[in-house]
Amino acid sequence: MKNIDDILKQALTPKKEPDFGLNQNILSQIKEATPMKKRTNKKFAVVAASCALTLGIGSISIYAAWKYLKPNQAIEELGEPALADAFSEEHAVYVNETQQYGGYQVTLLGITSGQDLTEYKHFISDSTIKSIHGSNESQITEANEEGFKLLNDRSYVLFAIEKESQPFQDVSEFFYDIFPIVIGYDYETNSGLFENGSGGHSFLKDGVIYYLYECNNLEKYADHAIYMCVSDDNPSFSEYSYLYDNDFQNIARNEEYEGLNALFSLPMDAAKADPTAAKADLKALEERRQARENTPVEPLREDLQKAYDFVAQITLENLEENASLITEEGATQTFGPADKQGRISIESSYYRDEFSVKLNVKETFSNGKTEFIQPSGATNYNPDSILIEHFKLNKDGTITLQFYAPNLPK
């Protein structure tokens, strides 16, 4: 499980910039920009080595007949003719497996892979991803000149998602986290092999959300078991919804998780595996990782550095002296109660500091602690946008979040 520093660094400043990878509590990681879905790392609870994992069956069914649009019909709705052809019965694997958890019904419709199947091209650098329409020749030329790498060999996995209670009215109603797991590759370390440039497209039809997930081509890893996770959990905290065991090389649903945590086994053709290419990609990933670690951190602008230095010395004891409580509407919010996992969902909608996180009450407020503060980062490199987030555990088990503005020296 994460300690409080891990929780706060990873989850409470996801929209801040720049990367202040220095020696303060307010430092956080650079997040890779993605045009469709922000990718975040997931960690999984480790199961005791004496307990071999089995895939939790739960509520699973496979329809004898199609209830939804067929995969190629669904892709036609997205206006991608080449991909629609790749999703025809001749070229794709149709699955049609349904799982029901947490008030949702998720169906894995099918999967296909190939090169240059969509009108959009993905380009990647060490920290940025660009999605460019094929007709935009100037932007493609610019990406090539800037040293971006083209990601044109992709896998596409199509889902149909329904509410059990009522039809969806809008695609924004479904909060999701979808990602692949390749058994034998530690997810936390090697997810970049599969999710580089990952993202998705969705549309609503007859109360059903059709979601097309895409990532690097998974076929080269087809000699390994490959799973797709579909969860409504907070992406940074998926260790609550899935159990991953490196020793036994297996993954299972956390049966105690009360929300959606579907787990699909992908029917991949082992004959299409390419261990040599997979090994080369793993080596290249490690080289990129080492290069980033060895890249010197550029110094921050002087006024921004001074602001961070000032904020770093603010504690609970001197908070009132060094910061002012913000009284604007939305700057004080209360959340709770806790779910069955003992977590409280914090969905801050305060416009200067929006974020989403699930805090484990016992871990966050351990040893009798009932409050803590966490500085946020600067938005658009503006020192005046820095805030102090104050969390307080109330007697009724809820958490109150207040925002303070640091009294920065002029």
Protein backbone atom coordinates (compact mmCIF):
# COMPACT_ATOMS: atom_id res chain seq x y z
CA MET A 1 0.00 0.00 0.00
CA LYS A 2 1.13 3.54 -0.59
CA ASN A 3 2.22 5.77 2.27
CA ILE A 4 0.81 9.27 2.55
CA ASP A 5 3.70 10.89 0.66
CA ASP A 6 3.11 8.57 -2.30
CA ILE A 7 -0.61 9.29 -2.23
CA LEU A 8 -0.18 13.04 -2.18
CA LYS A 9 2.61 13.27 -4.74
CA GLN A 10 0.84 11.02 -7.22
CA ALA A 11 -2.76 12.12 -6.87
CA LEU A 12 -3.20 15.59 -5.50
CA THR A 13 -1.31 17.57 -8.11
CA PRO A 14 -2.10 15.86 -11.41
CA LYS A 15 -2.88 19.03 -13.36
CA LYS A 16 -0.03 21.19 -12.16
CA GLU A 17 3.05 22.31 -13.97
CA PRO A 18 5.96 22.50 -14.21
CA ASP A 19 7.62 19.33 -12.99
CA PHE A 20 9.26 20.41 -9.75
CA GLY A 21 11.47 17.32 -9.41
CA LEU A 22 13.56 18.86 -6.64
CA ASN A 23 13.91 18.18 -2.90
CA GLN A 24 10.57 19.36 -1.50
CA ASN A 25 7.26 17.76 -0.55
CA ILE A 26 5.54 19.81 -3.25
CA LEU A 27 7.38 18.07 -6.06
CA SER A 28 5.46 15.89 -8.48
CA GLN A 29 6.09 13.96 -11.66
CA ILE A 30 5.72 15.17 -15.23
CA LYS A 31 2.69 13.51 -16.75
CA GLU A 32 2.80 12.43 -20.37
CA ALA A 33 0.39 14.45 -22.45
CA THR A 34 -2.04 12.34 -24.42
CA PRO A 35 -4.68 13.69 -26.78
CA MET A 36 -7.47 11.38 -25.67
CA LYS A 37 -6.92 10.03 -22.19
CA LYS A 38 -4.41 10.91 -19.51
CA ARG A 39 -2.36 7.86 -18.65
CA THR A 40 -1.34 7.32 -15.08
CA ASN A 41 0.55 4.55 -13.40
CA LYS A 42 -1.37 1.86 -11.57
CA LYS A 43 -0.03 -0.30 -8.78
CA PHE A 44 -1.55 -3.53 -7.56
CA ALA A 45 -1.79 -5.12 -4.15
CA VAL A 46 0.54 -8.11 -3.90
CA VAL A 47 -1.07 -11.42 -2.96
CA ALA A 48 0.72 -13.72 -0.53
CA ALA A 49 3.00 -16.13 -2.38
CA SER A 50 1.25 -19.14 -0.86
CA CYS A 51 -2.03 -18.18 -2.51
CA ALA A 52 -2.11 -18.89 -6.23
CA LEU A 53 -4.52 -16.55 -8.00
CA THR A 54 -7.42 -17.59 -10.13
CA LEU A 55 -9.41 -15.34 -12.39
CA GLY A 56 -12.52 -14.25 -10.50
CA ILE A 57 -15.53 -15.37 -12.53
CA GLY A 58 -18.25 -13.28 -10.90
CA SER A 59 -21.06 -12.38 -13.24
CA ILE A 60 -19.89 -13.31 -16.72
CA SER A 61 -21.81 -14.41 -19.77
CA ILE A 62 -21.24 -14.87 -23.49
CA TYR A 63 -24.17 -14.09 -25.74
CA ALA A 64 -25.17 -16.60 -28.39
CA ALA A 65 -26.43 -13.78 -30.57
CA TRP A 66 -25.34 -10.16 -30.96
CA LYS A 67 -27.12 -7.72 -28.67
CA TYR A 68 -25.12 -4.70 -29.83
CA LEU A 69 -23.74 -3.33 -33.06
CA LYS A 70 -21.20 -5.68 -34.56
CA PRO A 71 -17.62 -4.37 -34.22
CA ASN A 72 -17.32 -3.24 -37.85
CA GLN A 73 -20.72 -1.52 -37.62
CA ALA A 74 -19.65 0.31 -34.46
CA ILE A 75 -16.40 1.48 -36.05
CA GLU A 76 -18.31 2.77 -39.07
CA GLU A 77 -20.07 5.13 -36.63
CA LEU A 78 -16.64 6.62 -35.88
CA GLY A 79 -16.01 7.35 -39.56
CA GLU A 80 -12.89 5.16 -39.87
CA PRO A 81 -13.37 3.00 -43.00
CA ALA A 82 -9.98 1.27 -42.91
CA LEU A 83 -10.43 0.37 -39.24
CA ALA A 84 -14.01 -0.76 -39.89
CA ASP A 85 -12.67 -3.17 -42.50
CA ALA A 86 -10.04 -4.38 -40.02
CA PHE A 87 -12.89 -5.05 -37.59
CA SER A 88 -14.77 -7.22 -40.08
CA GLU A 89 -15.28 -10.87 -39.12
CA GLU A 90 -12.58 -11.83 -41.62
CA HIS A 91 -9.82 -9.73 -40.02
CA ALA A 92 -10.79 -9.35 -36.35
CA VAL A 93 -11.45 -11.62 -33.38
CA TYR A 94 -15.06 -11.29 -32.24
CA VAL A 95 -15.49 -12.06 -28.54
CA ASN A 96 -18.91 -10.85 -27.30
CA GLU A 97 -18.21 -11.58 -23.61
CA THR A 98 -20.14 -9.66 -20.95
CA GLN A 99 -19.26 -8.99 -17.32
CA GLN A 100 -21.48 -7.23 -14.77
CA TYR A 101 -20.08 -5.47 -11.72
CA GLY A 102 -20.80 -2.32 -9.76
CA GLY A 103 -24.00 -1.42 -11.59
CA TYR A 104 -22.41 -1.65 -15.06
CA GLN A 105 -22.56 -4.23 -17.83
CA VAL A 106 -19.41 -4.29 -19.96
CA THR A 107 -19.10 -6.36 -23.12
CA LEU A 108 -15.83 -7.03 -24.91
CA LEU A 109 -16.99 -7.03 -28.54
CA GLY A 110 -13.76 -7.68 -30.40
CA ILE A 111 -10.12 -6.90 -31.06
CA THR A 112 -7.97 -6.22 -34.11
CA SER A 113 -4.45 -5.01 -34.79
CA GLY A 114 -2.51 -3.53 -37.67
CA GLN A 115 -0.66 -0.60 -39.17
CA ASP A 116 -2.10 2.72 -40.36
CA LEU A 117 -5.71 1.74 -39.69
CA THR A 118 -7.02 5.19 -38.70
CA GLU A 119 -6.93 8.68 -40.16
CA TYR A 120 -5.03 9.90 -37.09
CA LYS A 121 -1.33 9.28 -36.58
CA HIS A 122 0.32 9.16 -33.16
CA PHE A 123 3.77 10.68 -32.64
CA ILE A 124 5.71 10.38 -29.39
CA SER A 125 8.74 12.02 -27.77
CA ASP A 126 10.11 11.38 -24.28
CA SER A 127 7.34 13.41 -22.62
CA THR A 128 4.77 14.34 -25.26
CA ILE A 129 2.31 12.58 -27.51
CA LYS A 130 0.74 14.17 -30.57
CA SER A 131 -2.32 12.90 -32.41
CA ILE A 132 -2.35 14.38 -35.92
CA HIS A 133 -4.86 13.83 -38.71
CA GLY A 134 -3.23 12.33 -41.79
CA SER A 135 -4.32 15.25 -43.95
CA ASN A 136 -2.36 17.75 -41.84
CA GLU A 137 0.93 17.43 -43.68
CA SER A 138 2.52 20.51 -42.10
CA GLN A 139 2.06 19.22 -38.54
CA ILE A 140 3.31 15.78 -39.54
CA THR A 141 6.40 17.33 -41.08
CA GLU A 142 6.95 19.42 -37.96
CA ALA A 143 6.67 16.34 -35.72
CA ASN A 144 9.22 14.49 -37.84
CA GLU A 145 11.62 17.44 -37.76
CA GLU A 146 11.30 17.65 -33.98
CA GLY A 147 12.36 14.02 -33.66
CA PHE A 148 8.97 12.53 -32.75
CA LYS A 149 8.59 8.79 -33.34
CA LEU A 150 5.60 7.56 -35.36
CA LEU A 151 3.43 4.96 -33.62
CA ASN A 152 1.50 3.38 -36.48
CA ASP A 153 1.31 -0.28 -35.42
CA ARG A 154 -1.63 -0.49 -33.03
CA SER A 155 -4.12 -2.77 -31.29
CA TYR A 156 -7.78 -1.79 -31.01
CA VAL A 157 -10.16 -3.27 -28.43
CA LEU A 158 -13.87 -2.47 -28.67
CA PHE A 159 -16.27 -2.45 -25.70
CA ALA A 160 -19.99 -1.83 -25.23
CA ILE A 161 -20.91 -0.41 -21.82
CA GLU A 162 -24.35 -0.16 -20.25
CA LYS A 163 -25.82 0.92 -16.93
CA GLU A 164 -27.88 -1.78 -15.25
CA SER A 165 -30.38 0.75 -13.91
CA GLN A 166 -31.06 3.03 -16.87
CA PRO A 167 -29.68 3.93 -20.31
CA PHE A 168 -26.75 6.33 -20.62
CA GLN A 169 -27.71 9.83 -21.69
CA ASP A 170 -24.18 11.07 -22.38
CA VAL A 171 -20.71 9.53 -22.75
CA SER A 172 -19.44 11.73 -19.90
CA GLU A 173 -21.56 9.72 -17.44
CA PHE A 174 -19.08 6.84 -17.44
CA PHE A 175 -15.87 7.39 -15.47
CA TYR A 176 -13.52 4.68 -16.67
CA ASP A 177 -9.99 3.38 -16.49
CA ILE A 178 -9.14 0.88 -19.22
CA PHE A 179 -5.68 -0.65 -19.64
CA PRO A 180 -3.96 -3.89 -20.72
CA ILE A 181 -1.92 -6.25 -18.56
CA VAL A 182 0.65 -8.55 -20.19
CA ILE A 183 1.56 -11.33 -17.79
CA GLY A 184 5.31 -11.63 -17.37
CA TYR A 185 5.89 -7.88 -17.70
CA ASP A 186 5.77 -5.99 -14.41
CA TYR A 187 3.05 -3.43 -15.00
CA GLU A 188 4.46 -0.61 -12.91
CA THR A 189 7.82 -0.80 -14.67
CA ASN A 190 6.86 -1.74 -18.21
CA SER A 191 3.39 -0.37 -18.91
CA GLY A 192 4.96 2.04 -21.42
CA LEU A 193 5.55 -0.90 -23.75
CA PHE A 194 1.84 -1.27 -24.28
CA GLU A 195 0.20 2.01 -23.31
CA ASN A 196 2.51 4.41 -25.10
CA GLY A 197 0.14 6.71 -26.90
CA SER A 198 -2.87 4.82 -25.56
CA GLY A 199 -6.26 6.41 -25.68
CA GLY A 200 -9.73 5.92 -26.97
CA HIS A 201 -12.78 7.09 -28.85
CA SER A 202 -16.39 6.70 -27.75
CA PHE A 203 -19.90 7.38 -28.92
CA LEU A 204 -23.41 6.87 -27.54
CA LYS A 205 -26.10 4.91 -29.37
CA ASP A 206 -29.42 3.69 -27.96
CA GLY A 207 -28.26 4.22 -24.37
CA VAL A 208 -25.06 2.21 -24.90
CA ILE A 209 -21.55 3.66 -24.83
CA TYR A 210 -19.26 2.11 -27.44
CA TYR A 211 -15.64 2.61 -26.43
CA LEU A 212 -12.68 1.89 -28.70
CA TYR A 213 -9.44 1.51 -26.75
CA GLU A 214 -6.17 1.65 -28.68
CA CYS A 215 -2.56 1.09 -27.68
CA ASN A 216 0.71 -0.25 -29.06
CA ASN A 217 0.26 -3.52 -30.96
CA LEU A 218 -0.21 -6.33 -28.45
CA GLU A 219 0.27 -9.14 -30.96
CA LYS A 220 4.04 -9.29 -30.48
CA TYR A 221 3.33 -10.34 -26.86
CA ALA A 222 0.73 -12.96 -27.85
CA ASP A 223 2.85 -15.77 -26.37
CA HIS A 224 1.92 -14.29 -22.96
CA ALA A 225 -1.50 -14.15 -21.33
CA ILE A 226 -2.98 -10.70 -21.95
CA TYR A 227 -5.85 -9.12 -20.03
CA MET A 228 -7.89 -5.94 -20.33
CA CYS A 229 -8.97 -4.17 -17.15
CA VAL A 230 -12.12 -2.01 -17.21
CA SER A 231 -12.71 -0.17 -13.95
CA ASP A 232 -14.53 2.82 -12.53
CA ASP A 233 -11.82 3.22 -9.90
CA ASN A 234 -9.54 6.23 -9.73
CA PRO A 235 -6.70 5.47 -12.19
CA SER A 236 -3.99 6.25 -9.64
CA PHE A 237 -5.36 3.77 -7.13
CA SER A 238 -6.20 0.61 -9.08
CA GLU A 239 -4.48 -1.55 -6.46
CA TYR A 240 -7.84 -1.65 -4.75
CA SER A 241 -9.69 -3.07 -7.73
CA TYR A 242 -7.17 -5.64 -9.01
CA LEU A 243 -4.72 -8.07 -7.40
CA TYR A 244 -1.49 -8.56 -9.30
CA ASP A 245 1.05 -11.22 -8.34
CA ASN A 246 4.51 -10.96 -9.87
CA ASP A 247 5.68 -14.25 -8.35
CA PHE A 248 2.85 -16.33 -9.77
CA GLN A 249 2.52 -14.08 -12.84
CA ASN A 250 -1.21 -13.69 -12.58
CA ILE A 251 -3.89 -11.07 -12.05
CA ALA A 252 -7.32 -11.31 -10.45
CA ARG A 253 -10.24 -9.08 -9.62
CA ASN A 254 -10.42 -7.84 -6.05
CA GLU A 255 -13.72 -9.48 -5.10
CA GLU A 256 -14.13 -7.02 -2.22
CA TYR A 257 -14.09 -3.99 -4.50
CA GLU A 258 -17.65 -2.66 -4.62
CA GLY A 259 -17.48 -0.93 -8.01
CA LEU A 260 -16.70 -2.01 -11.57
CA ASN A 261 -13.52 -4.03 -12.03
CA ALA A 262 -14.11 -6.25 -15.05
CA LEU A 263 -11.19 -8.39 -16.20
CA PHE A 264 -11.17 -9.83 -19.72
CA SER A 265 -8.73 -12.37 -21.12
CA LEU A 266 -7.83 -11.38 -24.68
CA PRO A 267 -7.91 -14.24 -27.23
CA MET A 268 -4.60 -13.56 -28.94
CA ASP A 269 -3.03 -15.76 -31.61
CA ALA A 270 0.25 -17.02 -30.13
CA ALA A 271 1.56 -17.62 -33.65
CA LYS A 272 1.71 -13.85 -34.16
CA ALA A 273 4.06 -13.33 -31.21
CA ASP A 274 7.43 -11.77 -31.97
CA PRO A 275 9.73 -12.34 -28.95
CA THR A 276 12.68 -10.71 -30.73
CA ALA A 277 10.77 -7.48 -31.36
CA ALA A 278 9.36 -7.58 -27.82
CA LYS A 279 12.85 -7.91 -26.39
CA ALA A 280 14.09 -5.01 -28.53
CA ASP A 281 11.20 -2.80 -27.35
CA LEU A 282 11.95 -3.65 -23.72
CA LYS A 283 15.60 -2.71 -24.22
CA ALA A 284 14.63 0.58 -25.90
CA LEU A 285 12.24 1.39 -23.03
CA GLU A 286 14.99 0.86 -20.49
CA GLU A 287 17.37 3.07 -22.50
CA ARG A 288 14.77 5.87 -22.61
CA ARG A 289 14.19 5.51 -18.89
CA GLN A 290 17.89 5.79 -18.12
CA ALA A 291 18.24 8.77 -20.45
CA ARG A 292 15.44 10.61 -18.63
CA GLU A 293 17.01 9.83 -15.26
CA ASN A 294 20.34 11.20 -16.45
CA THR A 295 18.88 14.38 -17.93
CA PRO A 296 19.72 17.39 -15.72
CA VAL A 297 16.75 19.21 -14.24
CA GLU A 298 16.58 22.75 -15.56
CA PRO A 299 16.45 25.39 -12.80
CA LEU A 300 13.11 27.04 -12.22
CA ARG A 301 12.47 30.70 -12.85
CA GLU A 302 13.69 32.68 -9.84
CA ASP A 303 10.30 34.00 -8.71
CA LEU A 304 8.75 30.54 -8.99
CA GLN A 305 11.58 28.93 -7.04
CA LYS A 306 11.22 31.51 -4.28
CA ALA A 307 7.50 30.84 -4.11
CA TYR A 308 8.08 27.09 -3.79
CA ASP A 309 10.73 27.66 -1.12
CA PHE A 310 8.29 29.82 0.85
CA VAL A 311 5.48 27.28 0.56
CA ALA A 312 7.76 24.41 1.58
CA GLN A 313 8.24 25.92 5.06
CA ILE A 314 4.51 26.20 5.77
CA THR A 315 3.26 23.70 8.37
CA LEU A 316 -0.02 23.09 10.18
CA GLU A 317 1.38 25.07 13.09
CA ASN A 318 2.19 28.21 11.08
CA LEU A 319 -0.48 27.90 8.38
CA GLU A 320 -2.61 30.80 9.62
CA GLU A 321 0.44 33.07 9.77
CA ASN A 322 1.67 32.30 6.28
CA ALA A 323 -1.54 31.71 4.30
CA SER A 324 -5.08 33.08 4.04
CA LEU A 325 -8.24 30.97 3.95
CA ILE A 326 -10.05 31.35 0.63
CA THR A 327 -13.74 32.13 1.19
CA GLU A 328 -14.89 31.87 -2.43
CA GLU A 329 -17.74 29.48 -3.21
CA GLY A 330 -16.41 25.94 -3.61
CA ALA A 331 -13.17 26.58 -1.73
CA THR A 332 -14.47 24.56 1.26
CA GLN A 333 -15.98 21.13 0.56
CA THR A 334 -16.87 18.05 2.65
CA PHE A 335 -16.68 14.48 1.32
CA GLY A 336 -17.73 11.06 2.58
CA PRO A 337 -18.66 8.66 3.99
CA ALA A 338 -16.02 6.02 3.24
CA ASP A 339 -16.68 3.11 0.88
CA LYS A 340 -16.22 -0.57 1.78
CA GLN A 341 -12.49 -0.26 1.15
CA GLY A 342 -12.29 2.51 3.75
CA ARG A 343 -11.69 5.21 1.13
CA ILE A 344 -13.32 8.58 0.65
CA SER A 345 -13.61 9.98 -2.87
CA ILE A 346 -12.34 13.55 -3.09
CA GLU A 347 -13.69 15.24 -6.21
CA SER A 348 -12.48 18.81 -5.92
CA SER A 349 -14.33 21.10 -8.27
CA TYR A 350 -12.68 24.30 -7.04
CA TYR A 351 -11.70 25.89 -10.34
CA ARG A 352 -8.15 26.83 -9.31
CA ASP A 353 -7.28 23.33 -8.13
CA GLU A 354 -9.41 20.53 -9.61
CA PHE A 355 -8.42 16.94 -8.91
CA SER A 356 -9.85 13.50 -8.15
CA VAL A 357 -8.48 11.11 -5.55
CA LYS A 358 -9.63 8.37 -3.20
CA LEU A 359 -8.06 8.64 0.25
CA ASN A 360 -7.80 5.62 2.53
CA VAL A 361 -8.90 7.09 5.87
CA LYS A 362 -6.84 4.80 8.11
CA GLU A 363 -3.67 5.20 6.07
CA THR A 364 -4.06 8.94 5.56
CA PHE A 365 -4.97 9.81 9.15
CA SER A 366 -2.79 7.33 11.06
CA ASN A 367 -1.43 7.61 14.60
CA GLY A 368 -4.26 9.85 15.77
CA LYS A 369 -3.66 12.50 13.12
CA THR A 370 -6.84 14.35 12.13
CA GLU A 371 -5.54 16.90 9.62
CA PHE A 372 -2.73 17.64 7.20
CA ILE A 373 -1.80 20.16 4.52
CA GLN A 374 -0.49 19.65 1.00
CA PRO A 375 0.81 22.41 -1.29
CA SER A 376 -0.35 22.36 -4.89
CA GLY A 377 1.74 23.36 -7.87
CA ALA A 378 1.69 26.48 -9.97
CA THR A 379 -0.61 26.63 -12.98
CA ASN A 380 0.94 28.11 -16.13
CA TYR A 381 4.10 28.93 -14.14
CA ASN A 382 2.21 31.57 -12.16
CA PRO A 383 3.36 31.72 -8.49
CA ASP A 384 0.08 33.38 -7.47
CA SER A 385 -1.84 30.24 -8.49
CA ILE A 386 -0.17 28.07 -5.82
CA LEU A 387 -2.58 26.86 -3.14
CA ILE A 388 -2.41 25.04 0.18
CA GLU A 389 -4.84 22.12 0.43
CA HIS A 390 -5.99 21.54 4.02
CA PHE A 391 -7.62 18.18 4.82
CA LYS A 392 -9.44 17.58 8.11
CA LEU A 393 -11.01 14.34 9.36
CA ASN A 394 -14.34 15.08 11.04
CA LYS A 395 -15.88 13.18 13.95
CA ASP A 396 -18.58 11.73 11.68
CA GLY A 397 -15.90 10.15 9.43
CA THR A 398 -16.17 12.67 6.59
CA ILE A 399 -13.27 14.77 5.30
CA THR A 400 -13.39 18.53 4.85
CA LEU A 401 -11.10 20.13 2.28
CA GLN A 402 -10.26 23.84 2.54
CA PHE A 403 -8.04 25.92 0.30
CA TYR A 404 -5.58 28.56 1.48
CA ALA A 405 -3.58 31.04 -0.58
CA PRO A 406 0.02 31.41 0.65
CA ASN A 407 1.02 34.96 1.60
CA LEU A 408 3.95 35.04 -0.81
CA PRO A 409 6.58 37.70 -0.15
CA LYS A 410 6.39 40.56 -2.64
